[in-house]
């Protein structure tokens, strides 16, 4: 192999390694933002539930919707923390 061809192969490898690193970094950033949103949504949902469930207008269907929404958000939270 001549040196020109070896140089091109090396540049190709470096370029693709940098591209993979960049994609991994973007995924980690997306993961962090999503995890932050889910955690804040869980906190707000808990605040709302504490107020709503203590009131006299709380209904079984509202409680069921709360439990389902909490379940989905909790799953996403654990998914992003890699506990699933």
PDB file of N, CA and C in Angstrom:
ATOM      1  N   UNK A   1       0.836  -1.178   0.000  1.00  0.00           N
ATOM      2  CA  UNK A   1       0.000   0.000   0.000  1.00  0.00           C
ATOM      3  C   UNK A   1       0.884   1.246   0.000  1.00  0.00           C
ATOM      4  N   UNK A   2       0.513   2.169  -0.840  1.00  0.00           N
ATOM      5  CA  UNK A   2       1.307   3.387  -0.836  1.00  0.00           C
ATOM      6  C   UNK A   2       0.886   4.306   0.307  1.00  0.00           C
ATOM      7  N   UNK A   3       1.731   5.260   0.612  1.00  0.00           N
ATOM      8  CA  UNK A   3       1.493   6.114   1.777  1.00  0.00           C
ATOM      9  C   UNK A   3       0.272   7.009   1.594  1.00  0.00           C
ATOM     10  N   UNK A   4      -0.039   7.404   0.366  1.00  0.00           N
ATOM     11  CA  UNK A   4      -1.211   8.239   0.104  1.00  0.00           C
ATOM     12  C   UNK A   4      -2.496   7.482   0.457  1.00  0.00           C
ATOM     13  N   UNK A   5      -2.546   6.240   0.081  1.00  0.00           N
ATOM     14  CA  UNK A   5      -3.724   5.417   0.376  1.00  0.00           C
ATOM     15  C   UNK A   5      -3.844   5.181   1.884  1.00  0.00           C
ATOM     16  N   UNK A   6      -2.733   4.926   2.555  1.00  0.00           N
ATOM     17  CA  UNK A   6      -2.746   4.738   4.001  1.00  0.00           C
ATOM     18  C   UNK A   6      -3.207   6.004   4.714  1.00  0.00           C
ATOM     19  N   UNK A   7      -2.796   7.146   4.224  1.00  0.00           N
ATOM     20  CA  UNK A   7      -3.200   8.426   4.813  1.00  0.00           C
ATOM     21  C   UNK A   7      -4.713   8.621   4.670  1.00  0.00           C
ATOM     22  N   UNK A   8      -5.265   8.281   3.508  1.00  0.00           N
ATOM     23  CA  UNK A   8      -6.704   8.413   3.283  1.00  0.00           C
ATOM     24  C   UNK A   8      -7.486   7.474   4.201  1.00  0.00           C
ATOM     25  N   UNK A   9      -6.980   6.265   4.366  1.00  0.00           N
ATOM     26  CA  UNK A   9      -7.644   5.297   5.245  1.00  0.00           C
ATOM     27  C   UNK A   9      -7.623   5.796   6.684  1.00  0.00           C
ATOM     28  N   UNK A  10      -6.504   6.341   7.116  1.00  0.00           N
ATOM     29  CA  UNK A  10      -6.387   6.867   8.479  1.00  0.00           C
ATOM     30  C   UNK A  10      -7.342   8.032   8.691  1.00  0.00           C
ATOM     31  N   UNK A  11      -7.418   8.952   7.736  1.00  0.00           N
ATOM     32  CA  UNK A  11      -8.343  10.089   7.827  1.00  0.00           C
ATOM     33  C   UNK A  11      -9.784   9.599   7.890  1.00  0.00           C
ATOM     34  N   UNK A  12     -10.101   8.576   7.093  1.00  0.00           N
ATOM     35  CA  UNK A  12     -11.442   8.002   7.088  1.00  0.00           C
ATOM     36  C   UNK A  12     -11.786   7.439   8.460  1.00  0.00           C
ATOM     37  N   UNK A  13     -10.858   6.716   9.061  1.00  0.00           N
ATOM     38  CA  UNK A  13     -11.089   6.133  10.384  1.00  0.00           C
ATOM     39  C   UNK A  13     -11.263   7.209  11.452  1.00  0.00           C
ATOM     40  N   UNK A  14     -10.430   8.231  11.410  1.00  0.00           N
ATOM     41  CA  UNK A  14     -10.517   9.323  12.382  1.00  0.00           C
ATOM     42  C   UNK A  14     -11.847  10.048  12.233  1.00  0.00           C
ATOM     43  N   UNK A  15     -12.245  10.328  10.988  1.00  0.00           N
ATOM     44  CA  UNK A  15     -13.507  11.027  10.739  1.00  0.00           C
ATOM     45  C   UNK A  15     -14.680  10.247  11.316  1.00  0.00           C
ATOM     46  N   UNK A  16     -14.735   8.953  11.052  1.00  0.00           N
ATOM     47  CA  UNK A  16     -15.859   8.143  11.534  1.00  0.00           C
ATOM     48  C   UNK A  16     -15.834   7.969  13.053  1.00  0.00           C
ATOM     49  N   UNK A  17     -14.648   7.921  13.639  1.00  0.00           N
ATOM     50  CA  UNK A  17     -14.564   7.838  15.105  1.00  0.00           C
ATOM     51  C   UNK A  17     -15.092   9.129  15.727  1.00  0.00           C
ATOM     52  N   UNK A  18     -14.730  10.272  15.148  1.00  0.00           N
ATOM     53  CA  UNK A  18     -15.232  11.553  15.651  1.00  0.00           C
ATOM     54  C   UNK A  18     -16.746  11.656  15.475  1.00  0.00           C
ATOM     55  N   UNK A  19     -17.245  11.160  14.353  1.00  0.00           N
ATOM     56  CA  UNK A  19     -18.688  11.197  14.096  1.00  0.00           C
ATOM     57  C   UNK A  19     -19.446  10.339  15.109  1.00  0.00           C
ATOM     58  N   UNK A  20     -18.932   9.153  15.409  1.00  0.00           N
ATOM     59  CA  UNK A  20     -19.577   8.295  16.409  1.00  0.00           C
ATOM     60  C   UNK A  20     -19.554   8.958  17.783  1.00  0.00           C
ATOM     61  N   UNK A  21     -18.434   9.587  18.132  1.00  0.00           N
ATOM     62  CA  UNK A  21     -18.319  10.281  19.410  1.00  0.00           C
ATOM     63  C   UNK A  21     -19.316  11.433  19.485  1.00  0.00           C
ATOM     64  N   UNK A  22     -19.456  12.166  18.390  1.00  0.00           N
ATOM     65  CA  UNK A  22     -20.381  13.295  18.342  1.00  0.00           C
ATOM     66  C   UNK A  22     -21.823  12.822  18.519  1.00  0.00           C
ATOM     67  N   UNK A  23     -22.188  11.729  17.852  1.00  0.00           N
ATOM     68  CA  UNK A  23     -23.549  11.193  17.997  1.00  0.00           C
ATOM     69  C   UNK A  23     -23.796  10.709  19.416  1.00  0.00           C
ATOM     70  N   UNK A  24     -22.809  10.082  20.018  1.00  0.00           N
ATOM     71  CA  UNK A  24     -22.959   9.604  21.400  1.00  0.00           C
ATOM     72  C   UNK A  24     -23.133  10.780  22.347  1.00  0.00           C
ATOM     73  N   UNK A  25     -22.389  11.858  22.117  1.00  0.00           N
ATOM     74  CA  UNK A  25     -22.505  13.050  22.952  1.00  0.00           C
ATOM     75  C   UNK A  25     -23.889  13.692  22.792  1.00  0.00           C
ATOM     76  N   UNK A  26     -24.404  13.742  21.560  1.00  0.00           N
ATOM     77  CA  UNK A  26     -25.741  14.283  21.322  1.00  0.00           C
ATOM     78  C   UNK A  26     -26.806  13.439  22.018  1.00  0.00           C
ATOM     79  N   UNK A  27     -26.643  12.130  21.986  1.00  0.00           N
ATOM     80  CA  UNK A  27     -27.596  11.243  22.650  1.00  0.00           C
ATOM     81  C   UNK A  27     -27.575  11.465  24.162  1.00  0.00           C
ATOM     82  N   UNK A  28     -26.399  11.622  24.730  1.00  0.00           N
ATOM     83  CA  UNK A  28     -26.307  11.881  26.170  1.00  0.00           C
ATOM     84  C   UNK A  28     -26.962  13.208  26.539  1.00  0.00           C
ATOM     85  N   UNK A  29     -26.789  14.214  25.698  1.00  0.00           N
ATOM     86  CA  UNK A  29     -27.414  15.511  25.945  1.00  0.00           C
ATOM     87  C   UNK A  29     -28.943  15.383  25.877  1.00  0.00           C
ATOM     88  N   UNK A  30     -29.437  14.688  24.855  1.00  0.00           N
ATOM     89  CA  UNK A  30     -30.872  14.461  24.719  1.00  0.00           C
ATOM     90  C   UNK A  30     -31.411  13.704  25.926  1.00  0.00           C
ATOM     91  N   UNK A  31     -30.664  12.708  26.351  1.00  0.00           N
ATOM     92  CA  UNK A  31     -31.054  11.904  27.505  1.00  0.00           C
ATOM     93  C   UNK A  31     -31.159  12.765  28.764  1.00  0.00           C
ATOM     94  N   UNK A  32     -30.189  13.641  28.977  1.00  0.00           N
ATOM     95  CA  UNK A  32     -30.183  14.493  30.162  1.00  0.00           C
ATOM     96  C   UNK A  32     -31.355  15.467  30.150  1.00  0.00           C
ATOM     97  N   UNK A  33     -31.635  16.065  29.010  1.00  0.00           N
ATOM     98  CA  UNK A  33     -32.756  17.008  28.908  1.00  0.00           C
ATOM     99  C   UNK A  33     -34.072  16.284  29.149  1.00  0.00           C
ATOM    100  N   UNK A  34     -34.239  15.134  28.522  1.00  0.00           N
ATOM    101  CA  UNK A  34     -35.476  14.368  28.682  1.00  0.00           C
ATOM    102  C   UNK A  34     -35.659  13.914  30.119  1.00  0.00           C
ATOM    103  N   UNK A  35     -34.599  13.443  30.736  1.00  0.00           N
ATOM    104  CA  UNK A  35     -34.677  12.998  32.130  1.00  0.00           C
ATOM    105  C   UNK A  35     -35.077  14.166  33.036  1.00  0.00           C
ATOM    106  N   UNK A  36     -34.518  15.334  32.787  1.00  0.00           N
ATOM    107  CA  UNK A  36     -34.849  16.520  33.575  1.00  0.00           C
ATOM    108  C   UNK A  36     -36.327  16.880  33.422  1.00  0.00           C
ATOM    109  N   UNK A  37     -36.840  16.829  32.204  1.00  0.00           N
ATOM    110  CA  UNK A  37     -38.252  17.139  31.956  1.00  0.00           C
ATOM    111  C   UNK A  37     -39.152  16.141  32.673  1.00  0.00           C
ATOM    112  N   UNK A  38     -38.821  14.866  32.579  1.00  0.00           N
ATOM    113  CA  UNK A  38     -39.633  13.827  33.224  1.00  0.00           C
ATOM    114  C   UNK A  38     -39.617  13.996  34.740  1.00  0.00           C
ATOM    115  N   UNK A  39     -38.463  14.294  35.312  1.00  0.00           N
ATOM    116  CA  UNK A  39     -38.380  14.475  36.765  1.00  0.00           C
ATOM    117  C   UNK A  39     -39.219  15.672  37.216  1.00  0.00           C
ATOM    118  N   UNK A  40     -39.169  16.761  36.464  1.00  0.00           N
ATOM    119  CA  UNK A  40     -39.983  17.929  36.810  1.00  0.00           C
ATOM    120  C   UNK A  40     -41.467  17.622  36.656  1.00  0.00           C
ATOM    121  N   UNK A  41     -41.824  16.876  35.619  1.00  0.00           N
ATOM    122  CA  UNK A  41     -43.224  16.497  35.417  1.00  0.00           C
ATOM    123  C   UNK A  41     -43.721  15.630  36.572  1.00  0.00           C
ATOM    124  N   UNK A  42     -42.877  14.723  37.054  1.00  0.00           N
ATOM    125  CA  UNK A  42     -43.253  13.895  38.206  1.00  0.00           C
ATOM    126  C   UNK A  42     -43.465  14.744  39.455  1.00  0.00           C
ATOM    127  N   UNK A  43     -42.597  15.737  39.660  1.00  0.00           N
ATOM    128  CA  UNK A  43     -42.753  16.612  40.825  1.00  0.00           C
ATOM    129  C   UNK A  43     -44.068  17.397  40.742  1.00  0.00           C
ATOM    130  N   UNK A  44     -44.359  17.940  39.570  1.00  0.00           N
ATOM    131  CA  UNK A  44     -45.599  18.703  39.394  1.00  0.00           C
ATOM    132  C   UNK A  44     -46.809  17.800  39.559  1.00  0.00           C
ATOM    133  N   UNK A  45     -46.731  16.601  39.003  1.00  0.00           N
ATOM    134  CA  UNK A  45     -47.846  15.657  39.137  1.00  0.00           C
ATOM    135  C   UNK A  45     -48.084  15.314  40.603  1.00  0.00           C
ATOM    136  N   UNK A  46     -47.040  15.128  41.366  1.00  0.00           N
ATOM    137  CA  UNK A  46     -47.193  14.838  42.791  1.00  0.00           C
ATOM    138  C   UNK A  46     -47.823  16.017  43.536  1.00  0.00           C
ATOM    139  N   UNK A  47     -47.439  17.245  43.174  1.00  0.00           N
ATOM    140  CA  UNK A  47     -48.048  18.425  43.799  1.00  0.00           C
ATOM    141  C   UNK A  47     -49.537  18.506  43.477  1.00  0.00           C
ATOM    142  N   UNK A  48     -49.870  18.294  42.224  1.00  0.00           N
ATOM    143  CA  UNK A  48     -51.271  18.341  41.809  1.00  0.00           C
ATOM    144  C   UNK A  48     -52.064  17.250  42.503  1.00  0.00           C
ATOM    145  N   UNK A  49     -51.499  16.060  42.560  1.00  0.00           N
ATOM    146  CA  UNK A  49     -52.233  14.944  43.153  1.00  0.00           C
ATOM    147  C   UNK A  49     -52.486  15.177  44.634  1.00  0.00           C
ATOM    148  N   UNK A  50     -51.517  15.754  45.307  1.00  0.00           N
ATOM    149  CA  UNK A  50     -51.690  16.013  46.740  1.00  0.00           C
ATOM    150  C   UNK A  50     -52.859  16.969  46.959  1.00  0.00           C
ATOM    151  N   UNK A  51     -52.973  17.981  46.098  1.00  0.00           N
ATOM    152  CA  UNK A  51     -54.072  18.942  46.219  1.00  0.00           C
ATOM    153  C   UNK A  51     -55.405  18.323  45.794  1.00  0.00           C
ATOM    154  N   UNK A  52     -55.387  17.638  44.655  1.00  0.00           N
ATOM    155  CA  UNK A  52     -56.628  17.100  44.082  1.00  0.00           C
ATOM    156  C   UNK A  52     -57.208  15.940  44.903  1.00  0.00           C
ATOM    157  N   UNK A  53     -56.359  15.056  45.349  1.00  0.00           N
ATOM    158  CA  UNK A  53     -56.850  13.861  46.027  1.00  0.00           C
ATOM    159  C   UNK A  53     -57.361  14.170  47.432  1.00  0.00           C
ATOM    160  N   UNK A  54     -56.961  15.289  47.989  1.00  0.00           N
ATOM    161  CA  UNK A  54     -57.459  15.661  49.308  1.00  0.00           C
ATOM    162  C   UNK A  54     -58.799  16.388  49.207  1.00  0.00           C
ATOM    163  N   UNK A  55     -59.126  16.857  48.013  1.00  0.00           N
ATOM    164  CA  UNK A  55     -60.377  17.584  47.826  1.00  0.00           C
ATOM    165  C   UNK A  55     -61.572  16.644  47.800  1.00  0.00           C
ATOM    166  N   UNK A  56     -62.741  17.256  47.889  1.00  0.00           N
ATOM    167  CA  UNK A  56     -63.959  16.459  47.896  1.00  0.00           C
ATOM    168  C   UNK A  56     -64.366  15.999  46.499  1.00  0.00           C
ATOM    169  N   UNK A  57     -63.850  16.643  45.447  1.00  0.00           N
ATOM    170  CA  UNK A  57     -64.251  16.260  44.099  1.00  0.00           C
ATOM    171  C   UNK A  57     -63.381  15.149  43.520  1.00  0.00           C
ATOM    172  N   UNK A  58     -62.515  14.540  44.275  1.00  0.00           N
ATOM    173  CA  UNK A  58     -61.682  13.477  43.715  1.00  0.00           C
ATOM    174  C   UNK A  58     -62.560  12.283  43.366  1.00  0.00           C
ATOM    175  N   UNK A  59     -62.294  11.733  42.189  1.00  0.00           N
ATOM    176  CA  UNK A  59     -63.098  10.604  41.721  1.00  0.00           C
ATOM    177  C   UNK A  59     -62.172   9.428  41.420  1.00  0.00           C
ATOM    178  N   UNK A  60     -62.745   8.218  41.377  1.00  0.00           N
ATOM    179  CA  UNK A  60     -61.922   7.041  41.062  1.00  0.00           C
ATOM    180  C   UNK A  60     -61.288   7.123  39.667  1.00  0.00           C
ATOM    181  N   UNK A  61     -62.011   7.691  38.700  1.00  0.00           N
ATOM    182  CA  UNK A  61     -61.440   7.776  37.350  1.00  0.00           C
ATOM    183  C   UNK A  61     -60.265   8.756  37.323  1.00  0.00           C
ATOM    184  N   UNK A  62     -60.356   9.844  38.081  1.00  0.00           N
ATOM    185  CA  UNK A  62     -59.250  10.797  38.145  1.00  0.00           C
ATOM    186  C   UNK A  62     -58.042  10.141  38.810  1.00  0.00           C
ATOM    187  N   UNK A  63     -58.281   9.388  39.870  1.00  0.00           N
ATOM    188  CA  UNK A  63     -57.196   8.688  40.553  1.00  0.00           C
ATOM    189  C   UNK A  63     -56.549   7.672  39.611  1.00  0.00           C
ATOM    190  N   UNK A  64     -57.354   6.983  38.829  1.00  0.00           N
ATOM    191  CA  UNK A  64     -56.834   6.001  37.873  1.00  0.00           C
ATOM    192  C   UNK A  64     -55.957   6.692  36.824  1.00  0.00           C
ATOM    193  N   UNK A  65     -56.404   7.822  36.309  1.00  0.00           N
ATOM    194  CA  UNK A  65     -55.623   8.565  35.321  1.00  0.00           C
ATOM    195  C   UNK A  65     -54.304   9.040  35.930  1.00  0.00           C
ATOM    196  N   UNK A  66     -54.356   9.480  37.169  1.00  0.00           N
ATOM    197  CA  UNK A  66     -53.143   9.912  37.861  1.00  0.00           C
ATOM    198  C   UNK A  66     -52.155   8.756  37.973  1.00  0.00           C
ATOM    199  N   UNK A  67     -52.636   7.605  38.389  1.00  0.00           N
ATOM    200  CA  UNK A  67     -51.759   6.441  38.579  1.00  0.00           C
ATOM    201  C   UNK A  67     -51.129   6.026  37.252  1.00  0.00           C
ATOM    202  N   UNK A  68     -51.909   6.033  36.177  1.00  0.00           N
ATOM    203  CA  UNK A  68     -51.377   5.646  34.864  1.00  0.00           C
ATOM    204  C   UNK A  68     -50.324   6.643  34.395  1.00  0.00           C
ATOM    205  N   UNK A  69     -50.625   7.939  34.511  1.00  0.00           N
ATOM    206  CA  UNK A  69     -49.670   8.962  34.099  1.00  0.00           C
ATOM    207  C   UNK A  69     -48.394   8.885  34.938  1.00  0.00           C
ATOM    208  N   UNK A  70     -48.554   8.691  36.231  1.00  0.00           N
ATOM    209  CA  UNK A  70     -47.388   8.562  37.107  1.00  0.00           C
ATOM    210  C   UNK A  70     -46.562   7.340  36.711  1.00  0.00           C
ATOM    211  N   UNK A  71     -47.218   6.259  36.382  1.00  0.00           N
ATOM    212  CA  UNK A  71     -46.530   5.035  35.970  1.00  0.00           C
ATOM    213  C   UNK A  71     -45.694   5.288  34.712  1.00  0.00           C
ATOM    214  N   UNK A  72     -46.276   5.938  33.705  1.00  0.00           N
ATOM    215  CA  UNK A  72     -45.554   6.206  32.460  1.00  0.00           C
ATOM    216  C   UNK A  72     -44.351   7.127  32.694  1.00  0.00           C
ATOM    217  N   UNK A  73     -44.556   8.175  33.464  1.00  0.00           N
ATOM    218  CA  UNK A  73     -43.455   9.099  33.742  1.00  0.00           C
ATOM    219  C   UNK A  73     -42.359   8.422  34.560  1.00  0.00           C
ATOM    220  N   UNK A  74     -42.750   7.612  35.516  1.00  0.00           N
ATOM    221  CA  UNK A  74     -41.772   6.904  36.329  1.00  0.00           C
ATOM    222  C   UNK A  74     -40.974   5.920  35.471  1.00  0.00           C
ATOM    223  N   UNK A  75     -41.657   5.251  34.550  1.00  0.00           N
ATOM    224  CA  UNK A  75     -40.957   4.326  33.651  1.00  0.00           C
ATOM    225  C   UNK A  75     -39.928   5.079  32.808  1.00  0.00           C
ATOM    226  N   UNK A  76     -40.334   6.218  32.237  1.00  0.00           N
ATOM    227  CA  UNK A  76     -39.392   7.017  31.456  1.00  0.00           C
ATOM    228  C   UNK A  76     -38.204   7.456  32.305  1.00  0.00           C
ATOM    229  N   UNK A  77     -38.475   7.867  33.511  1.00  0.00           N
ATOM    230  CA  UNK A  77     -37.406   8.301  34.420  1.00  0.00           C
ATOM    231  C   UNK A  77     -36.424   7.157  34.668  1.00  0.00           C
ATOM    232  N   UNK A  78     -36.934   5.976  34.954  1.00  0.00           N
ATOM    233  CA  UNK A  78     -36.055   4.826  35.201  1.00  0.00           C
ATOM    234  C   UNK A  78     -35.351   4.400  33.923  1.00  0.00           C
ATOM    235  N   UNK A  79     -36.019   4.535  32.780  1.00  0.00           N
ATOM    236  CA  UNK A  79     -35.410   4.193  31.490  1.00  0.00           C
ATOM    237  C   UNK A  79     -34.190   5.070  31.235  1.00  0.00           C
ATOM    238  N   UNK A  80     -34.326   6.385  31.447  1.00  0.00           N
ATOM    239  CA  UNK A  80     -33.211   7.290  31.211  1.00  0.00           C
ATOM    240  C   UNK A  80     -32.114   7.108  32.238  1.00  0.00           C
ATOM    241  N   UNK A  81     -32.457   6.632  33.434  1.00  0.00           N
ATOM    242  CA  UNK A  81     -31.424   6.350  34.433  1.00  0.00           C
ATOM    243  C   UNK A  81     -30.860   4.949  34.271  1.00  0.00           C
ATOM    244  N   UNK A  82     -31.313   4.250  33.227  1.00  0.00           N
ATOM    245  CA  UNK A  82     -30.860   2.903  32.868  1.00  0.00           C
ATOM    246  C   UNK A  82     -31.136   1.892  33.975  1.00  0.00           C
ATOM    247  N   UNK A  83     -32.288   2.018  34.621  1.00  0.00           N
ATOM    248  CA  UNK A  83     -32.674   1.061  35.650  1.00  0.00           C
ATOM    249  C   UNK A  83     -33.726   0.094  35.127  1.00  0.00           C
ATOM    250  N   UNK A  84     -34.027   0.181  33.836  1.00  0.00           N
ATOM    251  CA  UNK A  84     -35.034  -0.707  33.244  1.00  0.00           C
ATOM    252  C   UNK A  84     -34.332  -1.700  32.365  1.00  0.00           C
TER     253      UNK A  84
END
